[in-house]
Amino acid sequence: VRLNADVLYVDEGPILTSAGLSAGIDLCLYLV
């Protein structure tokens, strides 16, 4: 995995990942 632990979230097409806690809010709002 090409991990980048310096960002809030990563959009890789159908697969998305976020950092901890409040970054999860950012990711969910991004999906909306």
PDB file of all heavy atoms in Angstrom:
ATOM      1  N   VAL A   1       0.854  -1.196   0.000  1.00  0.00           N
ATOM      2  CA  VAL A   1       0.000   0.000   0.000  1.00  0.00           C
ATOM      3  C   VAL A   1       0.890   1.246   0.000  1.00  0.00           C
ATOM      4  O   VAL A   1       1.865   1.331   0.738  1.00  0.00           O
ATOM      5  CB  VAL A   1      -0.916   0.018   1.237  1.00  0.00           C
ATOM      6  CG1 VAL A   1      -1.818   1.250   1.210  1.00  0.00           C
ATOM      7  CG2 VAL A   1      -1.737  -1.261   1.302  1.00  0.00           C
ATOM      8  N   ARG A   2       0.535   2.214  -0.817  1.00  0.00           N
ATOM      9  CA  ARG A   2       1.271   3.482  -0.876  1.00  0.00           C
ATOM     10  C   ARG A   2       0.678   4.432   0.171  1.00  0.00           C
ATOM     11  O   ARG A   2      -0.124   5.291  -0.132  1.00  0.00           O
ATOM     12  CB  ARG A   2       1.200   4.072  -2.285  1.00  0.00           C
ATOM     13  CG  ARG A   2       1.894   3.212  -3.333  1.00  0.00           C
ATOM     14  CD  ARG A   2       1.912   3.864  -4.698  1.00  0.00           C
ATOM     15  NE  ARG A   2       0.610   3.825  -5.358  1.00  0.00           N
ATOM     16  CZ  ARG A   2      -0.136   4.872  -5.625  1.00  0.00           C
ATOM     17  NH1 ARG A   2       0.264   6.085  -5.281  1.00  0.00           N
ATOM     18  NH2 ARG A   2      -1.302   4.739  -6.239  1.00  0.00           N
ATOM     19  N   LEU A   3       1.126   4.250   1.406  1.00  0.00           N
ATOM     20  CA  LEU A   3       0.556   5.001   2.510  1.00  0.00           C
ATOM     21  C   LEU A   3       1.076   6.435   2.541  1.00  0.00           C
ATOM     22  O   LEU A   3       2.271   6.678   2.443  1.00  0.00           O
ATOM     23  CB  LEU A   3       0.876   4.322   3.841  1.00  0.00           C
ATOM     24  CG  LEU A   3       0.210   4.957   5.061  1.00  0.00           C
ATOM     25  CD1 LEU A   3      -1.288   4.684   5.055  1.00  0.00           C
ATOM     26  CD2 LEU A   3       0.842   4.457   6.345  1.00  0.00           C
ATOM     27  N   ASN A   4       0.165   7.366   2.705  1.00  0.00           N
ATOM     28  CA  ASN A   4       0.516   8.766   2.911  1.00  0.00           C
ATOM     29  C   ASN A   4      -0.166   9.211   4.196  1.00  0.00           C
ATOM     30  O   ASN A   4      -1.357   9.520   4.205  1.00  0.00           O
ATOM     31  CB  ASN A   4       0.065   9.627   1.733  1.00  0.00           C
ATOM     32  CG  ASN A   4       0.469  11.085   1.890  1.00  0.00           C
ATOM     33  OD1 ASN A   4       0.972  11.490   2.938  1.00  0.00           O
ATOM     34  ND2 ASN A   4       0.250  11.881   0.870  1.00  0.00           N
ATOM     35  N   ALA A   5       0.578   9.216   5.280  1.00  0.00           N
ATOM     36  CA  ALA A   5       0.010   9.534   6.589  1.00  0.00           C
ATOM     37  C   ALA A   5       0.028  11.028   6.879  1.00  0.00           C
ATOM     38  O   ALA A   5      -0.200  11.432   8.023  1.00  0.00           O
ATOM     39  CB  ALA A   5       0.764   8.785   7.680  1.00  0.00           C
ATOM     40  N   ASP A   6       0.269  11.843   5.866  1.00  0.00           N
ATOM     41  CA  ASP A   6       0.328  13.289   6.066  1.00  0.00           C
ATOM     42  C   ASP A   6      -0.921  14.008   5.572  1.00  0.00           C
ATOM     43  O   ASP A   6      -0.962  15.243   5.582  1.00  0.00           O
ATOM     44  CB  ASP A   6       1.548  13.868   5.335  1.00  0.00           C
ATOM     45  CG  ASP A   6       2.857  13.377   5.917  1.00  0.00           C
ATOM     46  OD1 ASP A   6       2.907  13.162   7.139  1.00  0.00           O
ATOM     47  OD2 ASP A   6       3.823  13.204   5.154  1.00  0.00           O
ATOM     48  N   VAL A   7      -1.935  13.270   5.132  1.00  0.00           N
ATOM     49  CA  VAL A   7      -3.119  13.907   4.548  1.00  0.00           C
ATOM     50  C   VAL A   7      -4.375  13.499   5.322  1.00  0.00           C
ATOM     51  O   VAL A   7      -4.369  12.537   6.088  1.00  0.00           O
ATOM     52  CB  VAL A   7      -3.275  13.534   3.060  1.00  0.00           C
ATOM     53  CG1 VAL A   7      -2.094  14.052   2.259  1.00  0.00           C
ATOM     54  CG2 VAL A   7      -3.425  12.022   2.873  1.00  0.00           C
ATOM     55  N   LEU A   8      -5.455  14.237   5.083  1.00  0.00           N
ATOM     56  CA  LEU A   8      -6.709  13.969   5.784  1.00  0.00           C
ATOM     57  C   LEU A   8      -7.471  12.794   5.186  1.00  0.00           C
ATOM     58  O   LEU A   8      -8.014  11.967   5.919  1.00  0.00           O
ATOM     59  CB  LEU A   8      -7.605  15.211   5.756  1.00  0.00           C
ATOM     60  CG  LEU A   8      -7.100  16.431   6.524  1.00  0.00           C
ATOM     61  CD1 LEU A   8      -8.084  17.584   6.375  1.00  0.00           C
ATOM     62  CD2 LEU A   8      -6.888  16.101   7.996  1.00  0.00           C
ATOM     63  N   TYR A   9      -7.548  12.751   3.864  1.00  0.00           N
ATOM     64  CA  TYR A   9      -8.225  11.621   3.227  1.00  0.00           C
ATOM     65  C   TYR A   9      -7.723  11.462   1.797  1.00  0.00           C
ATOM     66  O   TYR A   9      -7.149  12.387   1.211  1.00  0.00           O
ATOM     67  CB  TYR A   9      -9.749  11.756   3.262  1.00  0.00           C
ATOM     68  CG  TYR A   9     -10.324  13.009   2.662  1.00  0.00           C
ATOM     69  CD1 TYR A   9     -10.654  13.094   1.307  1.00  0.00           C
ATOM     70  CD2 TYR A   9     -10.582  14.124   3.452  1.00  0.00           C
ATOM     71  CE1 TYR A   9     -11.205  14.240   0.753  1.00  0.00           C
ATOM     72  CE2 TYR A   9     -11.138  15.284   2.916  1.00  0.00           C
ATOM     73  CZ  TYR A   9     -11.439  15.334   1.564  1.00  0.00           C
ATOM     74  OH  TYR A   9     -11.983  16.473   1.027  1.00  0.00           O
ATOM     75  N   VAL A  10      -7.925  10.257   1.266  1.00  0.00           N
ATOM     76  CA  VAL A  10      -7.452   9.908  -0.068  1.00  0.00           C
ATOM     77  C   VAL A  10      -8.608   9.290  -0.845  1.00  0.00           C
ATOM     78  O   VAL A  10      -9.289   8.376  -0.365  1.00  0.00           O
ATOM     79  CB  VAL A  10      -6.276   8.909  -0.012  1.00  0.00           C
ATOM     80  CG1 VAL A  10      -5.887   8.461  -1.419  1.00  0.00           C
ATOM     81  CG2 VAL A  10      -5.080   9.523   0.702  1.00  0.00           C
ATOM     82  N   ASP A  11      -8.823   9.780  -2.053  1.00  0.00           N
ATOM     83  CA  ASP A  11      -9.851   9.249  -2.945  1.00  0.00           C
ATOM     84  C   ASP A  11      -9.163   8.467  -4.054  1.00  0.00           C
ATOM     85  O   ASP A  11      -8.507   9.035  -4.919  1.00  0.00           O
ATOM     86  CB  ASP A  11     -10.672  10.403  -3.532  1.00  0.00           C
ATOM     87  CG  ASP A  11     -11.782   9.924  -4.462  1.00  0.00           C
ATOM     88  OD1 ASP A  11     -11.808   8.731  -4.808  1.00  0.00           O
ATOM     89  OD2 ASP A  11     -12.622  10.756  -4.851  1.00  0.00           O
ATOM     90  N   GLU A  12      -9.310   7.143  -4.009  1.00  0.00           N
ATOM     91  CA  GLU A  12      -8.748   6.274  -5.033  1.00  0.00           C
ATOM     92  C   GLU A  12      -9.889   5.601  -5.779  1.00  0.00           C
ATOM     93  O   GLU A  12     -10.048   4.377  -5.760  1.00  0.00           O
ATOM     94  CB  GLU A  12      -7.821   5.243  -4.403  1.00  0.00           C
ATOM     95  CG  GLU A  12      -6.425   5.759  -4.082  1.00  0.00           C
ATOM     96  CD  GLU A  12      -5.527   5.784  -5.322  1.00  0.00           C
ATOM     97  OE1 GLU A  12      -5.036   4.721  -5.735  1.00  0.00           O
ATOM     98  OE2 GLU A  12      -5.314   6.887  -5.851  1.00  0.00           O
ATOM     99  N   GLY A  13     -10.729   6.419  -6.407  1.00  0.00           N
ATOM    100  CA  GLY A  13     -11.841   5.860  -7.160  1.00  0.00           C
ATOM    101  C   GLY A  13     -12.883   5.265  -6.249  1.00  0.00           C
ATOM    102  O   GLY A  13     -13.457   5.972  -5.413  1.00  0.00           O
ATOM    103  N   PRO A  14     -13.120   3.964  -6.344  1.00  0.00           N
ATOM    104  CA  PRO A  14     -14.155   3.371  -5.493  1.00  0.00           C
ATOM    105  C   PRO A  14     -13.692   3.108  -4.061  1.00  0.00           C
ATOM    106  O   PRO A  14     -14.493   2.740  -3.216  1.00  0.00           O
ATOM    107  CB  PRO A  14     -14.473   2.047  -6.204  1.00  0.00           C
ATOM    108  CG  PRO A  14     -13.181   1.678  -6.867  1.00  0.00           C
ATOM    109  CD  PRO A  14     -12.564   2.989  -7.291  1.00  0.00           C
ATOM    110  N   ILE A  15     -12.400   3.284  -3.781  1.00  0.00           N
ATOM    111  CA  ILE A  15     -11.861   3.019  -2.452  1.00  0.00           C
ATOM    112  C   ILE A  15     -11.333   4.327  -1.869  1.00  0.00           C
ATOM    113  O   ILE A  15     -10.485   4.988  -2.474  1.00  0.00           O
ATOM    114  CB  ILE A  15     -10.717   1.981  -2.488  1.00  0.00           C
ATOM    115  CG1 ILE A  15     -11.136   0.730  -3.280  1.00  0.00           C
ATOM    116  CG2 ILE A  15     -10.288   1.619  -1.072  1.00  0.00           C
ATOM    117  CD1 ILE A  15     -12.230  -0.080  -2.640  1.00  0.00           C
ATOM    118  N   LEU A  16     -11.827   4.694  -0.680  1.00  0.00           N
ATOM    119  CA  LEU A  16     -11.402   5.932  -0.038  1.00  0.00           C
ATOM    120  C   LEU A  16     -10.988   5.651   1.399  1.00  0.00           C
ATOM    121  O   LEU A  16     -11.562   4.776   2.064  1.00  0.00           O
ATOM    122  CB  LEU A  16     -12.523   6.975  -0.041  1.00  0.00           C
ATOM    123  CG  LEU A  16     -13.108   7.363  -1.409  1.00  0.00           C
ATOM    124  CD1 LEU A  16     -14.344   6.514  -1.719  1.00  0.00           C
ATOM    125  CD2 LEU A  16     -13.480   8.844  -1.447  1.00  0.00           C
ATOM    126  N   THR A  17     -10.004   6.388   1.879  1.00  0.00           N
ATOM    127  CA  THR A  17      -9.526   6.212   3.248  1.00  0.00           C
ATOM    128  C   THR A  17      -9.357   7.582   3.887  1.00  0.00           C
ATOM    129  O   THR A  17      -9.097   8.572   3.205  1.00  0.00           O
ATOM    130  CB  THR A  17      -8.186   5.463   3.291  1.00  0.00           C
ATOM    131  OG1 THR A  17      -7.240   6.126   2.419  1.00  0.00           O
ATOM    132  CG2 THR A  17      -8.331   4.020   2.836  1.00  0.00           C
ATOM    133  N   SER A  18      -9.483   7.624   5.206  1.00  0.00           N
ATOM    134  CA  SER A  18      -9.274   8.891   5.905  1.00  0.00           C
ATOM    135  C   SER A  18      -8.383   8.679   7.106  1.00  0.00           C
ATOM    136  O   SER A  18      -8.205   7.552   7.586  1.00  0.00           O
ATOM    137  CB  SER A  18     -10.608   9.502   6.358  1.00  0.00           C
ATOM    138  OG  SER A  18     -11.065   8.903   7.556  1.00  0.00           O
ATOM    139  N   ALA A  19      -7.863   9.775   7.606  1.00  0.00           N
ATOM    140  CA  ALA A  19      -7.102   9.757   8.852  1.00  0.00           C
ATOM    141  C   ALA A  19      -8.074   9.657  10.025  1.00  0.00           C
ATOM    142  O   ALA A  19      -9.246   9.329   9.852  1.00  0.00           O
ATOM    143  CB  ALA A  19      -6.233  11.002   8.938  1.00  0.00           C
ATOM    144  N   GLY A  20      -7.589   9.960  11.214  1.00  0.00           N
ATOM    145  CA  GLY A  20      -8.378   9.714  12.402  1.00  0.00           C
ATOM    146  C   GLY A  20      -9.432  10.753  12.715  1.00  0.00           C
ATOM    147  O   GLY A  20      -9.341  11.913  12.323  1.00  0.00           O
ATOM    148  N   LEU A  21     -10.453  10.320  13.426  1.00  0.00           N
ATOM    149  CA  LEU A  21     -11.459  11.141  14.066  1.00  0.00           C
ATOM    150  C   LEU A  21     -12.014  12.237  13.171  1.00  0.00           C
ATOM    151  O   LEU A  21     -12.808  11.967  12.285  1.00  0.00           O
ATOM    152  CB  LEU A  21     -10.882  11.699  15.378  1.00  0.00           C
ATOM    153  CG  LEU A  21     -10.473  10.608  16.395  1.00  0.00           C
ATOM    154  CD1 LEU A  21      -9.816  11.224  17.619  1.00  0.00           C
ATOM    155  CD2 LEU A  21     -11.648   9.752  16.792  1.00  0.00           C
ATOM    156  N   SER A  22     -11.628  13.494  13.387  1.00  0.00           N
ATOM    157  CA  SER A  22     -12.263  14.582  12.643  1.00  0.00           C
ATOM    158  C   SER A  22     -12.054  14.461  11.143  1.00  0.00           C
ATOM    159  O   SER A  22     -12.883  14.942  10.359  1.00  0.00           O
ATOM    160  CB  SER A  22     -11.762  15.937  13.134  1.00  0.00           C
ATOM    161  OG  SER A  22     -10.379  16.098  12.872  1.00  0.00           O
ATOM    162  N   ALA A  23     -10.975  13.820  10.705  1.00  0.00           N
ATOM    163  CA  ALA A  23     -10.775  13.615   9.265  1.00  0.00           C
ATOM    164  C   ALA A  23     -11.853  12.716   8.687  1.00  0.00           C
ATOM    165  O   ALA A  23     -12.177  12.801   7.502  1.00  0.00           O
ATOM    166  CB  ALA A  23      -9.390  13.021   8.997  1.00  0.00           C
ATOM    167  N   GLY A  24     -12.435  11.866   9.526  1.00  0.00           N
ATOM    168  CA  GLY A  24     -13.551  11.052   9.073  1.00  0.00           C
ATOM    169  C   GLY A  24     -14.771  11.905   8.742  1.00  0.00           C
ATOM    170  O   GLY A  24     -15.539  11.583   7.828  1.00  0.00           O
ATOM    171  N   ILE A  25     -14.951  12.996   9.469  1.00  0.00           N
ATOM    172  CA  ILE A  25     -16.030  13.930   9.150  1.00  0.00           C
ATOM    173  C   ILE A  25     -15.777  14.538   7.776  1.00  0.00           C
ATOM    174  O   ILE A  25     -16.676  14.630   6.938  1.00  0.00           O
ATOM    175  CB  ILE A  25     -16.121  15.037  10.219  1.00  0.00           C
ATOM    176  CG1 ILE A  25     -16.418  14.437  11.588  1.00  0.00           C
ATOM    177  CG2 ILE A  25     -17.197  16.064   9.827  1.00  0.00           C
ATOM    178  CD1 ILE A  25     -16.408  15.447  12.720  1.00  0.00           C
ATOM    179  N   ASP A  26     -14.538  14.960   7.545  1.00  0.00           N
ATOM    180  CA  ASP A  26     -14.190  15.539   6.246  1.00  0.00           C
ATOM    181  C   ASP A  26     -14.472  14.562   5.112  1.00  0.00           C
ATOM    182  O   ASP A  26     -15.013  14.941   4.067  1.00  0.00           O
ATOM    183  CB  ASP A  26     -12.715  15.942   6.228  1.00  0.00           C
ATOM    184  CG  ASP A  26     -12.380  17.012   7.247  1.00  0.00           C
ATOM    185  OD1 ASP A  26     -13.102  18.017   7.302  1.00  0.00           O
ATOM    186  OD2 ASP A  26     -11.401  16.835   7.991  1.00  0.00           O
ATOM    187  N   LEU A  27     -14.111  13.298   5.317  1.00  0.00           N
ATOM    188  CA  LEU A  27     -14.325  12.297   4.268  1.00  0.00           C
ATOM    189  C   LEU A  27     -15.810  12.077   4.016  1.00  0.00           C
ATOM    190  O   LEU A  27     -16.258  12.029   2.857  1.00  0.00           O
ATOM    191  CB  LEU A  27     -13.660  10.981   4.642  1.00  0.00           C
ATOM    192  CG  LEU A  27     -13.905   9.820   3.673  1.00  0.00           C
ATOM    193  CD1 LEU A  27     -13.391  10.150   2.279  1.00  0.00           C
ATOM    194  CD2 LEU A  27     -13.279   8.528   4.180  1.00  0.00           C
ATOM    195  N   CYS A  28     -16.602  11.950   5.079  1.00  0.00           N
ATOM    196  CA  CYS A  28     -18.035  11.700   4.896  1.00  0.00           C
ATOM    197  C   CYS A  28     -18.711  12.891   4.210  1.00  0.00           C
ATOM    198  O   CYS A  28     -19.571  12.701   3.335  1.00  0.00           O
ATOM    199  CB  CYS A  28     -18.694  11.392   6.231  1.00  0.00           C
ATOM    200  SG  CYS A  28     -18.265   9.749   6.888  1.00  0.00           S
ATOM    201  N   LEU A  29     -18.328  14.102   4.560  1.00  0.00           N
ATOM    202  CA  LEU A  29     -18.883  15.272   3.880  1.00  0.00           C
ATOM    203  C   LEU A  29     -18.437  15.310   2.421  1.00  0.00           C
ATOM    204  O   LEU A  29     -19.194  15.729   1.542  1.00  0.00           O
ATOM    205  CB  LEU A  29     -18.450  16.555   4.598  1.00  0.00           C
ATOM    206  CG  LEU A  29     -19.079  16.786   5.972  1.00  0.00           C
ATOM    207  CD1 LEU A  29     -18.484  18.033   6.616  1.00  0.00           C
ATOM    208  CD2 LEU A  29     -20.588  16.904   5.879  1.00  0.00           C
ATOM    209  N   TYR A  30     -17.227  14.847   2.167  1.00  0.00           N
ATOM    210  CA  TYR A  30     -16.741  14.760   0.785  1.00  0.00           C
ATOM    211  C   TYR A  30     -17.602  13.787  -0.026  1.00  0.00           C
ATOM    212  O   TYR A  30     -17.947  14.055  -1.183  1.00  0.00           O
ATOM    213  CB  TYR A  30     -15.285  14.310   0.803  1.00  0.00           C
ATOM    214  CG  TYR A  30     -14.683  14.028  -0.549  1.00  0.00           C
ATOM    215  CD1 TYR A  30     -14.305  15.067  -1.406  1.00  0.00           C
ATOM    216  CD2 TYR A  30     -14.454  12.715  -0.970  1.00  0.00           C
ATOM    217  CE1 TYR A  30     -13.739  14.809  -2.646  1.00  0.00           C
ATOM    218  CE2 TYR A  30     -13.884  12.451  -2.204  1.00  0.00           C
ATOM    219  CZ  TYR A  30     -13.525  13.496  -3.034  1.00  0.00           C
ATOM    220  OH  TYR A  30     -12.969  13.234  -4.267  1.00  0.00           O
ATOM    221  N   LEU A  31     -17.983  12.671   0.591  1.00  0.00           N
ATOM    222  CA  LEU A  31     -18.850  11.711  -0.097  1.00  0.00           C
ATOM    223  C   LEU A  31     -20.217  12.327  -0.393  1.00  0.00           C
ATOM    224  O   LEU A  31     -20.772  12.136  -1.480  1.00  0.00           O
ATOM    225  CB  LEU A  31     -19.011  10.449   0.756  1.00  0.00           C
ATOM    226  CG  LEU A  31     -17.745   9.618   0.991  1.00  0.00           C
ATOM    227  CD1 LEU A  31     -18.058   8.426   1.893  1.00  0.00           C
ATOM    228  CD2 LEU A  31     -17.138   9.153  -0.317  1.00  0.00           C
ATOM    229  N   VAL A  32     -20.753  13.060   0.582  1.00  0.00           N
ATOM    230  CA  VAL A  32     -22.032  13.739   0.349  1.00  0.00           C
ATOM    231  C   VAL A  32     -21.897  14.751  -0.785  1.00  0.00           C
ATOM    232  O   VAL A  32     -22.785  14.877  -1.638  1.00  0.00           O
ATOM    233  CB  VAL A  32     -22.517  14.437   1.637  1.00  0.00           C
ATOM    234  CG1 VAL A  32     -23.742  15.305   1.351  1.00  0.00           C
ATOM    235  CG2 VAL A  32     -22.835  13.415   2.720  1.00  0.00           C
TER     236      VAL A  32
END
